[in-house]
Protein backbone atom coordinates (compact mmCIF):
# COMPACT_ATOMS: atom_id res chain seq x y z
CA PRO A 1 87.10 55.44 59.75
CA VAL A 2 83.91 55.68 61.78
CA THR A 3 82.85 52.23 60.57
CA GLY A 4 86.07 50.64 61.81
CA ASP A 5 87.02 49.55 58.31
CA LEU A 6 90.69 48.83 57.68
CA TYR A 7 92.77 49.84 54.65
CA VAL A 8 96.05 48.08 53.90
CA THR A 9 98.71 48.71 51.27
CA GLY A 10 101.81 46.77 50.28
CA ARG A 11 102.74 44.52 47.42
CA GLY A 12 101.42 41.29 46.00
CA VAL A 13 102.95 38.74 43.66
CA ASN A 14 101.85 38.94 40.05
CA GLY A 15 103.65 36.12 38.26
CA THR A 16 107.35 36.99 38.33
CA ASN A 17 107.10 40.50 39.77
CA TYR A 18 105.34 42.47 42.50
CA ASP A 19 102.42 44.84 42.00
CA TRP A 20 101.24 47.53 44.38
CA SER A 21 98.15 46.36 46.28
CA VAL A 22 95.46 48.19 48.26
CA ILE A 23 92.85 46.21 50.21
CA LYS A 24 89.79 47.32 52.21
CA TYR A 25 88.50 45.10 55.03
CA ARG A 26 85.11 45.57 56.72
CA GLY A 27 85.64 46.50 60.36
CA VAL A 28 82.69 44.51 61.70
CA ASP A 29 83.75 41.06 60.52
CA GLY A 30 87.06 41.43 58.62
CA ALA A 31 85.50 40.54 55.27
CA LYS A 32 87.46 41.76 52.25
CA MET A 33 85.47 44.57 50.57
CA TRP A 34 87.73 45.28 47.58
CA THR A 35 91.26 44.86 46.27
CA LYS A 36 93.11 47.09 43.81
CA LEU A 37 96.40 46.21 42.09
CA TYR A 38 98.60 48.72 40.32
CA ALA A 39 101.31 47.61 37.91
CA GLY A 40 104.15 49.93 36.95
CA LEU A 41 106.04 50.12 33.70
CA ASN A 42 107.35 47.01 31.96
CA SER A 43 106.28 44.64 34.77
CA PHE A 44 108.77 46.08 37.27
CA ASP A 45 108.31 45.62 41.03
CA ASP A 46 105.97 48.13 42.67
CA SER A 47 104.78 48.53 46.26
CA GLY A 48 102.56 50.65 48.47
CA VAL A 49 104.29 52.13 51.53
CA ASP A 50 101.71 54.24 53.38
CA ILE A 51 97.96 54.82 53.46
CA SER A 52 95.66 57.38 55.12
CA TYR A 53 91.88 57.53 55.38
CA VAL A 54 90.27 60.96 55.76
CA SER A 55 86.77 61.82 56.95
CA SER A 56 85.70 63.09 53.52
CA GLY A 57 85.55 59.44 52.44
CA VAL A 58 88.78 59.19 50.49
CA VAL A 59 91.99 57.25 50.93
CA TYR A 60 95.43 58.62 50.07
CA VAL A 61 97.98 55.92 49.31
CA THR A 62 101.65 56.43 48.56
CA GLY A 63 103.96 53.93 46.95
CA ASN A 64 106.98 53.33 44.79
CA SER A 65 106.92 52.37 41.15
CA LYS A 66 109.69 51.96 38.60
CA SER A 67 109.91 54.36 35.69
CA ILE A 68 112.33 55.17 32.89
CA VAL A 69 113.92 58.63 33.02
CA SER A 70 116.55 59.60 30.42
CA GLY A 71 116.77 55.94 29.38
CA ILE A 72 117.56 54.76 32.93
CA THR A 73 115.19 52.66 35.05
CA ASN A 74 114.69 54.25 38.47
CA PRO A 75 112.15 54.25 41.29
CA SER A 76 109.46 56.93 41.30
CA ILE A 77 107.03 58.08 43.97
CA VAL A 78 103.33 57.74 43.19
CA LEU A 79 100.53 59.31 45.24
CA ARG A 80 96.98 58.08 44.56
CA LYS A 81 93.64 59.39 45.79
CA LEU A 82 91.01 56.65 46.00
CA ASN A 83 87.28 56.59 46.70
CA SER A 84 87.01 54.63 49.96
CA SER A 85 83.70 52.97 49.06
CA ASP A 86 84.87 51.13 45.93
CA GLY A 87 88.60 51.85 45.58
CA SER A 88 88.20 53.73 42.31
CA GLN A 89 91.11 56.02 41.56
CA LEU A 90 90.26 59.74 41.58
CA TRP A 91 93.76 60.87 40.53
CA ALA A 92 97.42 59.85 40.63
CA LYS A 93 100.58 61.97 40.75
CA THR A 94 104.14 60.79 40.02
CA TYR A 95 107.44 62.32 41.12
CA THR A 96 110.48 60.90 39.32
CA GLY A 97 113.19 62.71 41.26
CA ILE A 98 115.78 65.38 40.63
CA THR A 99 116.34 66.43 37.04
CA ALA A 100 120.05 66.09 36.46
CA THR A 101 122.31 67.48 33.75
CA GLY A 102 125.85 67.03 32.52
CA SER A 103 127.83 64.29 34.27
CA VAL A 104 125.17 63.88 36.97
CA THR A 105 122.81 60.90 36.67
CA PRO A 106 119.37 60.92 38.36
CA LEU A 107 118.71 57.95 40.65
CA GLY A 108 114.98 58.43 41.07
CA ALA A 109 112.91 58.97 44.20
CA THR A 110 111.51 56.69 46.90
CA ALA A 111 108.64 57.36 49.33
CA SER A 112 108.88 56.53 53.04
CA SER A 113 105.65 57.87 54.54
CA THR A 114 102.72 60.25 54.12
CA VAL A 115 101.16 62.87 56.39
CA VAL A 116 97.62 64.11 55.64
CA THR A 117 96.36 67.22 57.45
CA PRO A 118 92.73 67.79 58.53
CA SER A 119 92.34 70.21 55.57
CA GLU A 120 93.64 67.43 53.26
CA ASN A 121 97.03 68.82 52.41
CA ILE A 122 99.19 65.79 51.66
CA TYR A 123 102.89 65.63 52.49
CA VAL A 124 104.90 62.79 50.96
CA LEU A 125 108.26 62.10 52.61
CA GLY A 126 111.15 60.17 51.10
CA THR A 127 114.44 60.56 49.33
CA THR A 128 115.84 61.44 45.95
CA ALA A 129 119.43 61.14 44.79
CA VAL A 130 121.87 61.79 41.96
CA GLN A 131 125.07 60.02 40.94
CA THR A 132 128.08 62.22 40.18
CA PRO A 133 131.37 60.85 38.81
CA SER A 134 132.76 60.53 42.35
CA TYR A 135 129.85 60.12 44.80
CA ILE A 136 126.11 59.71 45.38
CA GLN A 137 124.27 62.77 46.74
CA SER A 138 121.20 61.72 48.73
CA ASN A 139 118.51 64.27 49.65
CA HIS A 140 115.66 64.26 52.14
CA LEU A 141 112.50 64.97 50.18
CA VAL A 142 109.15 66.49 51.17
CA LEU A 143 106.44 66.93 48.53
CA LYS A 144 103.25 68.86 49.28
CA TYR A 145 100.01 68.28 47.35
CA THR A 146 96.50 69.67 47.70
CA SER A 147 93.38 67.47 47.85
CA SER A 148 92.84 68.16 44.13
CA GLY A 149 96.28 66.71 43.32
CA SER A 150 98.02 69.99 42.59
CA SER A 151 101.67 70.12 43.60
CA SER A 152 102.16 72.98 46.07
CA TRP A 153 105.92 72.70 46.63
CA LYS A 154 108.85 70.36 47.18
CA ASP A 155 111.76 70.64 49.58
CA LEU A 156 115.14 68.97 49.28
CA HIS A 157 117.67 68.84 52.09
CA ALA A 158 121.10 67.29 51.59
CA ALA A 159 121.31 64.11 53.64
CA GLY A 160 124.90 63.23 52.82
CA THR A 161 127.13 61.64 50.25
CA SER A 162 128.48 58.14 49.98
CA SER A 163 130.68 56.10 47.71
CA GLY A 164 128.19 53.21 47.87
CA PHE A 165 124.53 53.08 46.91
CA GLN A 166 122.79 54.41 50.04
CA PHE A 167 119.68 56.54 50.34
CA PHE A 168 119.04 58.60 53.47
CA PRO A 169 115.28 59.21 53.52
CA ALA A 170 113.07 61.63 55.40
CA THR A 171 111.25 58.82 57.20
CA LYS A 172 108.54 60.23 59.48
CA GLY A 173 106.53 63.40 59.82
CA ILE A 174 104.09 64.88 62.31
CA TYR A 175 101.71 67.75 61.53
CA ASP A 176 100.96 70.19 64.37
CA GLN A 177 97.53 71.63 63.61
CA THR A 178 97.82 74.39 66.23
CA PHE A 179 100.95 75.86 64.66
CA GLN A 180 100.22 74.54 61.16
CA SER A 181 103.72 73.11 61.03
CA LEU A 182 105.17 69.88 59.69
CA TYR A 183 108.02 68.27 61.62
CA VAL A 184 110.14 65.78 59.68
CA ALA A 185 112.72 63.27 60.89
CA GLY A 186 115.13 61.31 58.73
CA LYS A 187 118.51 59.69 58.41
CA LYS A 188 121.67 61.61 57.61
CA ASN A 189 125.20 60.51 56.73
CA ILE A 190 127.70 62.33 58.93
CA SER A 191 131.39 61.88 59.67
CA MET A 192 132.47 61.72 63.30
């Protein structure tokens, strides 16, 4: 921000669990301007993972929250748009992961990072997975949202299978404004 203010996200203790926290510090002297805490369902652990300030005066913050899908508790990705002056929430969007059927069980979705373009398109990167009877299928995940919170598209790319509980996330992204392209890097399970 022009003022040098600093925005931080993470998690803070709330009794016996963690809540997602967002804090604004004044750039001039480091004084805390405001703090926002977000609790998920049923007092599960929640945390912020990435935050971006844009010149229009808003903050986009991405985090992970627990939710219940088909009777199973799994992580979900939450994207929030906040007013930078007071931290008030303008909107929030949740992605719970792949919808599974039959003998496949959804394992939720987890965010790793966020890329915000100059025109305020928001890309959330992470992973989503499903459990089959014999293996876990992990997928790189990219979600695209507009500044109004509308979901534009999602992309899944198989990141590998494992017999143990491992997620292989899309971890970092870079947006090239000249070519209007998003480049994504992530982890992949391969056999050598």
